[in-house]
């Protein structure tokens, strides 16, 4: 299991966009996209959006409003992972998001991977975080 706290209520976002677009939606991760320390919750849909053509979209809060953006860039990112004592994986969501889990640490988001106890580097393929070989 891969963990990181989300920004918004994931179930509410999924419910809203599944009803709106009439397609299955799933949460992928929370990460910076283009701006440092501005993480968004990233979601995936198998079929490209009919108007915009993207399969990933980011949702975030800005000045009290909920905003949406194209997040297809997420498939080009690397996610360094550490593992807790229960076998759960953790990643840093943004540039200055430093996590201490058990005896390990991970920092840097998509800018760099700084870690003690790094167990692997993952990437996103078709809406899934998978270990890079």
Foldseek 3Di string as FASTA:
>chain_A
DEDDDAADDQVVVQVVVCVVQVFGKDWQAWADAPDFPQTFTKMATQAADPPPRAGIKTWDDDPNDIDIGGRNSQQVFKWWWAAAPVGYIYTQRGQARWDDHDPKIWHGTRNDTDMDRTDAIWGDDRRYTDGDD
